[in-house]
Amino acid sequence: MPISTCTNYSSSAPPAPRSGWQCKYSGQAVRTLPIRIITVGKKRSPGVQLLVDEYIGKLKHYCSVDDIQLRSNPRNARDVRAQVDDEDMAAMNLMKSDDWVVMLDEHGLDIRSEQMAELVAEAGNTGASRLSFCIGGPYGHGQRIRTRANKSIRLSSMVLNHQIALVVLVEQLYRSWTILKGQNYHH
């Protein structure tokens, strides 16, 4: 596994100014995990795909990234429970038993960018082989993913559709790595 070192960051520091921050992981090795993003939803608009591709390209300087899109299950549109169960099973089939799973959910933990960076760094210390993020379909996540998730976070106090949530997630993952590396992207 690649090892990264972070500098100039502290989770207890206020959001600004940035100078003088000390990373919780400063001087320590941070194990880099490959990232898999599993999104349930309809086909992405070209503009959304362009933004996602841009941030995934930037993220690949720090770690490998798999972006997997599962179509929501329209044949079960009249039976919401069956639709969620089918989407849940399809997402679970993409996870390995040693993945560290983060579920994006409107009821999840509200975290700041600095805490997201800590989440990324700490996932490397779990013994997991991959960091998987799950964005649910129009009716949310099923019980299997809710039970399987190691963490549940929310990206906003507002509900976001899966395309917007994906853009916010990939940008925040990129921001996390720049925080861990002590780069100037995060102010």
N, C-alpha and C. Protein backbone atom coordinates (compact mmCIF):
# COMPACT_ATOMS: atom_id res chain seq x y z
N MET A 1 0.83 -1.18 0.00
CA MET A 1 0.00 0.00 0.00
C MET A 1 0.88 1.25 0.00
N PRO A 2 0.49 2.26 -0.77
CA PRO A 2 1.22 3.52 -0.73
C PRO A 2 1.09 4.16 0.64
N ILE A 3 2.10 4.90 1.03
CA ILE A 3 2.11 5.61 2.31
C ILE A 3 2.23 7.09 2.00
N SER A 4 1.44 7.91 2.68
CA SER A 4 1.49 9.35 2.52
C SER A 4 1.76 9.98 3.88
N THR A 5 2.31 11.15 3.88
CA THR A 5 2.52 11.90 5.11
C THR A 5 1.77 13.20 5.01
N CYS A 6 1.15 13.62 6.10
CA CYS A 6 0.42 14.88 6.06
C CYS A 6 1.07 15.88 7.00
N THR A 7 0.90 17.16 6.69
CA THR A 7 1.44 18.22 7.51
C THR A 7 0.48 19.39 7.54
N ASN A 8 0.68 20.29 8.49
CA ASN A 8 -0.05 21.56 8.56
C ASN A 8 -1.56 21.42 8.70
N TYR A 9 -2.03 20.53 9.57
CA TYR A 9 -3.46 20.36 9.73
C TYR A 9 -3.77 19.93 11.16
N SER A 10 -4.85 20.45 11.70
CA SER A 10 -5.32 20.02 13.01
C SER A 10 -6.84 20.05 13.03
N SER A 11 -7.43 18.96 13.51
CA SER A 11 -8.89 18.90 13.54
C SER A 11 -9.48 19.83 14.59
N SER A 12 -8.67 20.24 15.57
CA SER A 12 -9.20 21.11 16.61
C SER A 12 -9.04 22.59 16.28
N ALA A 13 -8.35 22.89 15.21
CA ALA A 13 -8.14 24.29 14.83
C ALA A 13 -9.40 24.86 14.19
N PRO A 14 -9.62 26.15 14.32
CA PRO A 14 -10.77 26.77 13.66
C PRO A 14 -10.60 26.75 12.15
N PRO A 15 -11.69 26.94 11.41
CA PRO A 15 -11.63 26.82 9.96
C PRO A 15 -10.65 27.78 9.29
N ALA A 16 -10.36 28.93 9.87
CA ALA A 16 -9.43 29.87 9.25
C ALA A 16 -8.79 30.69 10.37
N PRO A 17 -7.63 31.21 10.22
CA PRO A 17 -6.71 31.03 9.12
C PRO A 17 -6.00 29.68 9.21
N ARG A 18 -5.36 29.31 8.13
CA ARG A 18 -4.78 28.00 7.97
C ARG A 18 -3.37 27.90 8.56
N SER A 19 -2.62 28.96 8.58
CA SER A 19 -1.23 28.89 9.02
C SER A 19 -1.14 28.40 10.47
N GLY A 20 -0.14 27.56 10.72
CA GLY A 20 0.08 27.06 12.06
C GLY A 20 -0.70 25.80 12.42
N TRP A 21 -1.53 25.30 11.53
CA TRP A 21 -2.29 24.09 11.83
C TRP A 21 -1.34 22.92 11.91
N GLN A 22 -1.60 22.01 12.78
CA GLN A 22 -0.77 20.82 12.93
C GLN A 22 -1.64 19.59 12.69
N CYS A 23 -1.26 18.76 11.77
CA CYS A 23 -2.04 17.57 11.43
C CYS A 23 -2.00 16.55 12.55
N LYS A 24 -3.13 15.96 12.82
CA LYS A 24 -3.21 14.88 13.79
C LYS A 24 -2.26 13.75 13.40
N TYR A 25 -1.99 13.63 12.12
CA TYR A 25 -1.14 12.55 11.60
C TYR A 25 0.26 13.05 11.23
N SER A 26 0.61 14.27 11.61
CA SER A 26 1.90 14.85 11.26
C SER A 26 3.05 13.95 11.73
N GLY A 27 3.94 13.66 10.81
CA GLY A 27 5.09 12.82 11.13
C GLY A 27 4.78 11.34 11.13
N GLN A 28 3.54 10.98 10.91
CA GLN A 28 3.15 9.58 10.87
C GLN A 28 2.85 9.17 9.43
N ALA A 29 2.98 7.92 9.16
CA ALA A 29 2.61 7.40 7.84
C ALA A 29 1.09 7.26 7.78
N VAL A 30 0.51 7.64 6.66
CA VAL A 30 -0.92 7.46 6.41
C VAL A 30 -1.05 6.45 5.29
N ARG A 31 -1.66 5.33 5.58
CA ARG A 31 -1.83 4.27 4.58
C ARG A 31 -2.91 4.68 3.59
N THR A 32 -2.57 4.70 2.33
CA THR A 32 -3.48 5.09 1.27
C THR A 32 -4.31 3.89 0.83
N LEU A 33 -5.62 4.03 0.93
CA LEU A 33 -6.52 2.98 0.47
C LEU A 33 -7.10 3.35 -0.89
N PRO A 34 -7.29 2.37 -1.77
CA PRO A 34 -8.05 2.65 -2.99
C PRO A 34 -9.48 3.03 -2.58
N ILE A 35 -10.10 3.87 -3.37
CA ILE A 35 -11.46 4.32 -3.09
C ILE A 35 -12.40 3.78 -4.15
N ARG A 36 -13.55 3.30 -3.70
CA ARG A 36 -14.62 2.89 -4.60
C ARG A 36 -15.85 3.72 -4.23
N ILE A 37 -16.44 4.35 -5.23
CA ILE A 37 -17.66 5.13 -5.02
C ILE A 37 -18.78 4.41 -5.76
N ILE A 38 -19.79 3.99 -4.99
CA ILE A 38 -20.93 3.28 -5.55
C ILE A 38 -22.13 4.21 -5.47
N THR A 39 -22.69 4.55 -6.63
CA THR A 39 -23.81 5.47 -6.71
C THR A 39 -24.99 4.77 -7.37
N VAL A 40 -26.16 4.85 -6.73
CA VAL A 40 -27.39 4.31 -7.32
C VAL A 40 -28.18 5.48 -7.89
N GLY A 41 -28.58 5.38 -9.15
CA GLY A 41 -29.39 6.44 -9.73
C GLY A 41 -29.46 6.35 -11.23
N LYS A 42 -30.15 7.32 -11.81
CA LYS A 42 -30.29 7.32 -13.26
C LYS A 42 -29.01 7.83 -13.91
N LYS A 43 -28.97 7.75 -15.22
CA LYS A 43 -27.79 8.16 -15.98
C LYS A 43 -27.43 9.61 -15.66
N ARG A 44 -26.13 9.85 -15.52
CA ARG A 44 -25.64 11.19 -15.18
C ARG A 44 -25.73 12.13 -16.37
N SER A 45 -25.99 13.39 -16.05
CA SER A 45 -25.98 14.40 -17.11
C SER A 45 -24.53 14.62 -17.54
N PRO A 46 -24.29 15.07 -18.78
CA PRO A 46 -22.92 15.28 -19.25
C PRO A 46 -22.14 16.27 -18.38
N GLY A 47 -22.80 17.32 -17.88
CA GLY A 47 -22.11 18.30 -17.03
C GLY A 47 -21.65 17.69 -15.72
N VAL A 48 -22.50 16.88 -15.11
CA VAL A 48 -22.14 16.21 -13.86
C VAL A 48 -20.98 15.25 -14.12
N GLN A 49 -21.06 14.48 -15.20
CA GLN A 49 -20.00 13.52 -15.50
C GLN A 49 -18.66 14.24 -15.73
N LEU A 50 -18.71 15.40 -16.37
CA LEU A 50 -17.49 16.18 -16.60
C LEU A 50 -16.84 16.59 -15.27
N LEU A 51 -17.65 17.07 -14.33
CA LEU A 51 -17.12 17.46 -13.01
C LEU A 51 -16.59 16.25 -12.25
N VAL A 52 -17.32 15.16 -12.27
CA VAL A 52 -16.88 13.94 -11.58
C VAL A 52 -15.55 13.48 -12.16
N ASP A 53 -15.45 13.43 -13.48
CA ASP A 53 -14.20 13.01 -14.13
C ASP A 53 -13.04 13.93 -13.78
N GLU A 54 -13.31 15.24 -13.70
CA GLU A 54 -12.26 16.19 -13.35
C GLU A 54 -11.71 15.91 -11.95
N TYR A 55 -12.58 15.73 -10.97
CA TYR A 55 -12.11 15.50 -9.60
C TYR A 55 -11.52 14.10 -9.43
N ILE A 56 -12.04 13.12 -10.12
CA ILE A 56 -11.44 11.79 -10.04
C ILE A 56 -10.05 11.81 -10.65
N GLY A 57 -9.87 12.56 -11.73
CA GLY A 57 -8.54 12.73 -12.31
C GLY A 57 -7.56 13.35 -11.31
N LYS A 58 -8.03 14.33 -10.55
CA LYS A 58 -7.18 14.96 -9.53
C LYS A 58 -6.92 13.99 -8.37
N LEU A 59 -7.94 13.23 -7.99
CA LEU A 59 -7.80 12.27 -6.88
C LEU A 59 -6.80 11.17 -7.20
N LYS A 60 -6.69 10.81 -8.47
CA LYS A 60 -5.80 9.71 -8.86
C LYS A 60 -4.32 10.04 -8.63
N HIS A 61 -4.01 11.30 -8.32
CA HIS A 61 -2.64 11.65 -7.93
C HIS A 61 -2.34 11.16 -6.51
N TYR A 62 -3.39 10.84 -5.75
CA TYR A 62 -3.23 10.41 -4.37
C TYR A 62 -3.57 8.95 -4.14
N CYS A 63 -4.55 8.43 -4.87
CA CYS A 63 -5.00 7.06 -4.66
C CYS A 63 -5.77 6.60 -5.90
N SER A 64 -5.98 5.31 -6.01
CA SER A 64 -6.79 4.81 -7.12
C SER A 64 -8.27 4.98 -6.77
N VAL A 65 -9.09 5.23 -7.78
CA VAL A 65 -10.51 5.49 -7.57
C VAL A 65 -11.33 4.71 -8.60
N ASP A 66 -12.33 3.98 -8.10
CA ASP A 66 -13.33 3.32 -8.95
C ASP A 66 -14.64 4.07 -8.77
N ASP A 67 -15.24 4.46 -9.86
CA ASP A 67 -16.54 5.13 -9.85
C ASP A 67 -17.53 4.18 -10.49
N ILE A 68 -18.43 3.64 -9.68
CA ILE A 68 -19.38 2.65 -10.18
C ILE A 68 -20.79 3.20 -10.03
N GLN A 69 -21.53 3.16 -11.13
CA GLN A 69 -22.90 3.64 -11.11
C GLN A 69 -23.84 2.45 -11.31
N LEU A 70 -24.77 2.31 -10.38
CA LEU A 70 -25.81 1.30 -10.49
C LEU A 70 -27.11 2.00 -10.86
N ARG A 71 -27.78 1.48 -11.84
CA ARG A 71 -29.07 2.07 -12.22
C ARG A 71 -30.10 1.73 -11.15
N SER A 72 -30.94 2.71 -10.83
CA SER A 72 -32.04 2.39 -9.93
C SER A 72 -32.95 1.41 -10.66
N ASN A 73 -33.69 0.65 -9.92
CA ASN A 73 -34.44 -0.46 -10.48
C ASN A 73 -35.86 -0.03 -10.85
N PRO A 74 -36.08 0.40 -12.10
CA PRO A 74 -37.39 0.92 -12.48
C PRO A 74 -38.49 -0.14 -12.52
N ARG A 75 -38.15 -1.41 -12.68
CA ARG A 75 -39.21 -2.43 -12.77
C ARG A 75 -39.94 -2.57 -11.44
N ASN A 76 -39.29 -2.15 -10.35
CA ASN A 76 -39.94 -2.22 -9.05
C ASN A 76 -40.44 -0.86 -8.58
N ALA A 77 -40.62 0.08 -9.50
CA ALA A 77 -40.98 1.45 -9.14
C ALA A 77 -42.26 1.52 -8.32
N ARG A 78 -43.15 0.59 -8.50
CA ARG A 78 -44.41 0.61 -7.73
C ARG A 78 -44.23 0.00 -6.34
N ASP A 79 -43.20 -0.78 -6.18
CA ASP A 79 -42.92 -1.42 -4.89
C ASP A 79 -41.59 -0.87 -4.37
N VAL A 80 -41.65 0.19 -3.61
CA VAL A 80 -40.45 0.89 -3.14
C VAL A 80 -39.55 -0.04 -2.34
N ARG A 81 -40.11 -0.85 -1.47
CA ARG A 81 -39.30 -1.75 -0.64
C ARG A 81 -38.51 -2.73 -1.51
N ALA A 82 -39.15 -3.29 -2.53
CA ALA A 82 -38.47 -4.21 -3.43
C ALA A 82 -37.37 -3.48 -4.21
N GLN A 83 -37.64 -2.26 -4.62
CA GLN A 83 -36.64 -1.48 -5.35
C GLN A 83 -35.42 -1.22 -4.47
N VAL A 84 -35.64 -0.78 -3.25
CA VAL A 84 -34.54 -0.51 -2.33
C VAL A 84 -33.77 -1.79 -2.03
N ASP A 85 -34.48 -2.91 -1.84
CA ASP A 85 -33.81 -4.20 -1.57
C ASP A 85 -32.95 -4.63 -2.74
N ASP A 86 -33.45 -4.47 -3.97
CA ASP A 86 -32.66 -4.83 -5.16
C ASP A 86 -31.42 -3.96 -5.28
N GLU A 87 -31.58 -2.64 -5.08
CA GLU A 87 -30.44 -1.72 -5.16
C GLU A 87 -29.43 -2.03 -4.05
N ASP A 88 -29.95 -2.34 -2.87
CA ASP A 88 -29.12 -2.68 -1.72
C ASP A 88 -28.27 -3.92 -2.02
N MET A 89 -28.88 -4.94 -2.57
CA MET A 89 -28.16 -6.19 -2.88
C MET A 89 -27.12 -5.95 -3.97
N ALA A 90 -27.47 -5.17 -4.99
CA ALA A 90 -26.51 -4.88 -6.06
C ALA A 90 -25.29 -4.14 -5.51
N ALA A 91 -25.50 -3.18 -4.61
CA ALA A 91 -24.37 -2.46 -4.02
C ALA A 91 -23.55 -3.38 -3.12
N MET A 92 -24.20 -4.20 -2.32
CA MET A 92 -23.50 -5.13 -1.43
C MET A 92 -22.63 -6.11 -2.23
N ASN A 93 -23.10 -6.52 -3.40
CA ASN A 93 -22.33 -7.44 -4.24
C ASN A 93 -21.03 -6.82 -4.75
N LEU A 94 -20.92 -5.50 -4.69
CA LEU A 94 -19.70 -4.82 -5.14
C LEU A 94 -18.68 -4.60 -4.02
N MET A 95 -19.06 -4.96 -2.81
CA MET A 95 -18.17 -4.75 -1.66
C MET A 95 -17.49 -6.06 -1.27
N LYS A 96 -16.24 -5.89 -0.82
CA LYS A 96 -15.51 -7.03 -0.27
C LYS A 96 -15.71 -7.02 1.24
N SER A 97 -15.48 -8.17 1.84
CA SER A 97 -15.68 -8.28 3.29
C SER A 97 -14.75 -7.37 4.08
N ASP A 98 -13.60 -7.02 3.50
CA ASP A 98 -12.65 -6.17 4.23
C ASP A 98 -12.68 -4.72 3.75
N ASP A 99 -13.72 -4.31 3.03
CA ASP A 99 -13.89 -2.89 2.70
C ASP A 99 -14.25 -2.12 3.96
N TRP A 100 -13.83 -0.88 4.03
CA TRP A 100 -14.27 0.06 5.07
C TRP A 100 -15.34 0.90 4.41
N VAL A 101 -16.58 0.79 4.84
CA VAL A 101 -17.73 1.32 4.12
C VAL A 101 -18.26 2.59 4.80
N VAL A 102 -18.42 3.64 3.98
CA VAL A 102 -19.00 4.90 4.43
C VAL A 102 -20.30 5.10 3.66
N MET A 103 -21.40 5.15 4.39
CA MET A 103 -22.71 5.36 3.79
C MET A 103 -23.04 6.85 3.85
N LEU A 104 -23.42 7.43 2.71
CA LEU A 104 -23.88 8.81 2.70
C LEU A 104 -25.37 8.80 2.92
N ASP A 105 -25.81 9.49 3.98
CA ASP A 105 -27.20 9.41 4.39
C ASP A 105 -27.60 10.72 5.04
N GLU A 106 -28.81 11.16 4.80
CA GLU A 106 -29.27 12.44 5.36
C GLU A 106 -29.29 12.44 6.88
N HIS A 107 -29.30 11.26 7.51
CA HIS A 107 -29.30 11.18 8.96
C HIS A 107 -27.91 10.86 9.51
N GLY A 108 -26.89 10.86 8.64
CA GLY A 108 -25.54 10.54 9.06
C GLY A 108 -24.90 11.67 9.86
N LEU A 109 -23.70 11.41 10.30
CA LEU A 109 -22.92 12.37 11.07
C LEU A 109 -22.59 13.57 10.19
N ASP A 110 -22.80 14.76 10.72
CA ASP A 110 -22.49 16.00 10.02
C ASP A 110 -21.01 16.30 10.27
N ILE A 111 -20.19 16.25 9.22
CA ILE A 111 -18.75 16.47 9.40
C ILE A 111 -18.27 17.62 8.55
N ARG A 112 -17.15 18.22 8.98
CA ARG A 112 -16.50 19.28 8.23
C ARG A 112 -15.44 18.66 7.33
N SER A 113 -14.88 19.47 6.46
CA SER A 113 -13.85 18.99 5.52
C SER A 113 -12.66 18.40 6.26
N GLU A 114 -12.26 19.02 7.35
CA GLU A 114 -11.11 18.53 8.12
C GLU A 114 -11.41 17.15 8.71
N GLN A 115 -12.65 16.94 9.13
CA GLN A 115 -13.03 15.64 9.68
C GLN A 115 -13.11 14.59 8.58
N MET A 116 -13.47 15.01 7.37
CA MET A 116 -13.46 14.08 6.23
C MET A 116 -12.03 13.63 5.96
N ALA A 117 -11.08 14.56 6.04
CA ALA A 117 -9.67 14.20 5.85
C ALA A 117 -9.24 13.19 6.91
N GLU A 118 -9.65 13.40 8.15
CA GLU A 118 -9.34 12.45 9.21
C GLU A 118 -9.97 11.10 8.93
N LEU A 119 -11.21 11.09 8.44
CA LEU A 119 -11.88 9.84 8.10
C LEU A 119 -11.07 9.07 7.06
N VAL A 120 -10.62 9.77 6.03
CA VAL A 120 -9.82 9.13 4.96
C VAL A 120 -8.52 8.58 5.54
N ALA A 121 -7.85 9.36 6.38
CA ALA A 121 -6.58 8.93 6.97
C ALA A 121 -6.79 7.76 7.93
N GLU A 122 -7.82 7.86 8.76
CA GLU A 122 -8.07 6.81 9.75
C GLU A 122 -8.53 5.50 9.12
N ALA A 123 -9.20 5.58 7.98
CA ALA A 123 -9.62 4.35 7.30
C ALA A 123 -8.41 3.49 6.93
N GLY A 124 -7.29 4.15 6.63
CA GLY A 124 -6.07 3.41 6.32
C GLY A 124 -5.51 2.64 7.49
N ASN A 125 -5.91 3.01 8.70
CA ASN A 125 -5.43 2.33 9.90
C ASN A 125 -6.34 1.20 10.36
N THR A 126 -7.40 0.93 9.61
CA THR A 126 -8.39 -0.06 10.03
C THR A 126 -8.03 -1.48 9.61
N GLY A 127 -7.07 -1.64 8.71
CA GLY A 127 -6.77 -2.95 8.17
C GLY A 127 -7.60 -3.28 6.93
N ALA A 128 -8.42 -2.33 6.51
CA ALA A 128 -9.26 -2.53 5.33
C ALA A 128 -8.41 -2.53 4.07
N SER A 129 -8.94 -3.13 3.02
CA SER A 129 -8.22 -3.14 1.74
C SER A 129 -8.72 -2.04 0.81
N ARG A 130 -9.90 -1.46 1.13
CA ARG A 130 -10.47 -0.44 0.26
C ARG A 130 -11.45 0.40 1.08
N LEU A 131 -11.58 1.66 0.68
CA LEU A 131 -12.53 2.59 1.27
C LEU A 131 -13.68 2.74 0.29
N SER A 132 -14.87 2.30 0.68
CA SER A 132 -16.04 2.35 -0.22
C SER A 132 -17.05 3.36 0.29
N PHE A 133 -17.49 4.25 -0.60
CA PHE A 133 -18.53 5.22 -0.29
C PHE A 133 -19.79 4.81 -1.04
N CYS A 134 -20.94 4.84 -0.36
CA CYS A 134 -22.21 4.44 -0.97
C CYS A 134 -23.19 5.60 -0.98
N ILE A 135 -23.64 5.96 -2.17
CA ILE A 135 -24.68 6.97 -2.35
C ILE A 135 -25.93 6.23 -2.79
N GLY A 136 -26.99 6.34 -2.01
CA GLY A 136 -28.21 5.58 -2.27
C GLY A 136 -29.04 6.14 -3.42
N GLY A 137 -30.03 5.38 -3.78
CA GLY A 137 -30.95 5.76 -4.84
C GLY A 137 -32.02 6.71 -4.35
N PRO A 138 -33.07 6.89 -5.12
CA PRO A 138 -34.10 7.88 -4.78
C PRO A 138 -34.81 7.62 -3.46
N TYR A 139 -34.81 6.37 -2.99
CA TYR A 139 -35.48 6.04 -1.74
C TYR A 139 -34.48 5.69 -0.64
N GLY A 140 -33.21 5.99 -0.86
CA GLY A 140 -32.21 5.77 0.18
C GLY A 140 -31.60 4.38 0.15
N HIS A 141 -30.98 4.04 1.27
CA HIS A 141 -30.27 2.77 1.40
C HIS A 141 -31.16 1.71 2.03
N GLY A 142 -30.82 0.47 1.70
CA GLY A 142 -31.51 -0.66 2.31
C GLY A 142 -30.86 -1.06 3.63
N GLN A 143 -31.45 -2.01 4.28
CA GLN A 143 -30.99 -2.44 5.60
C GLN A 143 -29.61 -3.09 5.57
N ARG A 144 -29.28 -3.80 4.50
CA ARG A 144 -27.98 -4.47 4.43
C ARG A 144 -26.83 -3.46 4.49
N ILE A 145 -26.93 -2.41 3.69
CA ILE A 145 -25.87 -1.39 3.70
C ILE A 145 -25.87 -0.65 5.03
N ARG A 146 -27.03 -0.36 5.56
CA ARG A 146 -27.10 0.32 6.86
C ARG A 146 -26.40 -0.49 7.94
N THR A 147 -26.57 -1.80 7.89
CA THR A 147 -25.92 -2.68 8.87
C THR A 147 -24.42 -2.80 8.57
N ARG A 148 -24.06 -2.87 7.31
CA ARG A 148 -22.67 -3.08 6.90
C ARG A 148 -21.79 -1.85 7.07
N ALA A 149 -22.35 -0.66 6.98
CA ALA A 149 -21.57 0.58 6.99
C ALA A 149 -20.77 0.74 8.28
N ASN A 150 -19.51 1.12 8.12
CA ASN A 150 -18.66 1.45 9.26
C ASN A 150 -18.92 2.86 9.77
N LYS A 151 -19.29 3.74 8.85
CA LYS A 151 -19.62 5.13 9.18
C LYS A 151 -20.80 5.56 8.34
N SER A 152 -21.57 6.48 8.87
CA SER A 152 -22.65 7.10 8.13
C SER A 152 -22.46 8.61 8.25
N ILE A 153 -22.31 9.28 7.11
CA ILE A 153 -22.10 10.72 7.12
C ILE A 153 -23.11 11.39 6.20
N ARG A 154 -23.28 12.69 6.42
CA ARG A 154 -24.09 13.46 5.49
C ARG A 154 -23.23 14.59 4.95
N LEU A 155 -23.51 14.95 3.72
CA LEU A 155 -22.75 16.00 3.06
C LEU A 155 -23.39 17.37 3.24
N SER A 156 -24.64 17.38 3.65
CA SER A 156 -25.37 18.64 3.79
C SER A 156 -26.56 18.41 4.70
N SER A 157 -27.04 19.47 5.32
CA SER A 157 -28.28 19.39 6.09
C SER A 157 -29.47 19.25 5.16
N MET A 158 -29.29 19.61 3.90
CA MET A 158 -30.35 19.47 2.91
C MET A 158 -30.19 18.11 2.21
N VAL A 159 -31.29 17.57 1.74
CA VAL A 159 -31.23 16.34 0.96
C VAL A 159 -30.71 16.70 -0.43
N LEU A 160 -29.73 15.92 -0.91
CA LEU A 160 -29.15 16.15 -2.24
C LEU A 160 -29.51 14.97 -3.14
N ASN A 161 -29.77 15.25 -4.41
CA ASN A 161 -29.98 14.11 -5.31
C ASN A 161 -28.63 13.44 -5.54
N HIS A 162 -28.66 12.19 -6.05
CA HIS A 162 -27.43 11.40 -6.13
C HIS A 162 -26.36 12.06 -7.00
N GLN A 163 -26.74 12.80 -8.04
CA GLN A 163 -25.74 13.43 -8.91
C GLN A 163 -25.01 14.55 -8.18
N ILE A 164 -25.76 15.39 -7.48
CA ILE A 164 -25.14 16.48 -6.73
C ILE A 164 -24.30 15.92 -5.58
N ALA A 165 -24.83 14.90 -4.89
CA ALA A 165 -24.08 14.27 -3.80
C ALA A 165 -22.75 13.72 -4.30
N LEU A 166 -22.75 13.13 -5.49
CA LEU A 166 -21.52 12.58 -6.05
C LEU A 166 -20.50 13.67 -6.32
N VAL A 167 -20.93 14.78 -6.90
CA VAL A 167 -20.02 15.90 -7.18
C VAL A 167 -19.43 16.43 -5.86
N VAL A 168 -20.28 16.62 -4.87
CA VAL A 168 -19.80 17.11 -3.57
C VAL A 168 -18.83 16.10 -2.96
N LEU A 169 -19.14 14.82 -3.02
CA LEU A 169 -18.27 13.80 -2.45
C LEU A 169 -16.90 13.79 -3.10
N VAL A 170 -16.82 13.76 -4.42
CA VAL A 170 -15.50 13.67 -5.06
C VAL A 170 -14.68 14.94 -4.81
N GLU A 171 -15.36 16.09 -4.75
CA GLU A 171 -14.63 17.32 -4.42
C GLU A 171 -14.10 17.25 -2.99
N GLN A 172 -14.89 16.75 -2.06
CA GLN A 172 -14.46 16.66 -0.67
C GLN A 172 -13.36 15.62 -0.49
N LEU A 173 -13.38 14.55 -1.25
CA LEU A 173 -12.29 13.58 -1.19
C LEU A 173 -10.99 14.20 -1.70
N TYR A 174 -11.08 14.95 -2.79
CA TYR A 174 -9.90 15.67 -3.27
C TYR A 174 -9.41 16.67 -2.22
N ARG A 175 -10.34 17.42 -1.65
CA ARG A 175 -9.99 18.40 -0.60
C ARG A 175 -9.33 17.68 0.58
N SER A 176 -9.84 16.53 0.94
CA SER A 176 -9.26 15.76 2.06
C SER A 176 -7.80 15.44 1.81
N TRP A 177 -7.50 14.99 0.61
CA TRP A 177 -6.11 14.64 0.32
C TRP A 177 -5.21 15.88 0.31
N THR A 178 -5.73 17.01 -0.16
CA THR A 178 -4.90 18.22 -0.12
C THR A 178 -4.68 18.68 1.31
N ILE A 179 -5.65 18.46 2.19
CA ILE A 179 -5.46 18.77 3.61
C ILE A 179 -4.39 17.84 4.19
N LEU A 180 -4.50 16.56 3.91
CA LEU A 180 -3.53 15.59 4.43
C LEU A 180 -2.12 15.85 3.93
N LYS A 181 -2.01 16.34 2.71
CA LYS A 181 -0.69 16.63 2.13
C LYS A 181 -0.19 18.03 2.46
N GLY A 182 -1.03 18.84 3.11
CA GLY A 182 -0.62 20.21 3.44
C GLY A 182 -0.56 21.13 2.24
N GLN A 183 -1.37 20.84 1.23
CA GLN A 183 -1.38 21.66 0.02
C GLN A 183 -2.36 22.82 0.18
N ASN A 184 -2.25 23.81 -0.66
CA ASN A 184 -2.98 25.07 -0.49
C ASN A 184 -4.41 25.10 -1.01
N TYR A 185 -4.97 24.01 -1.45
CA TYR A 185 -6.33 24.01 -1.99
C TYR A 185 -7.35 24.41 -0.91
N HIS A 186 -7.19 23.87 0.29
CA HIS A 186 -8.14 24.13 1.39
C HIS A 186 -7.74 25.38 2.14
N HIS A 187 -8.68 26.31 2.32
CA HIS A 187 -8.39 27.56 3.05
C HIS A 187 -9.18 27.59 4.33
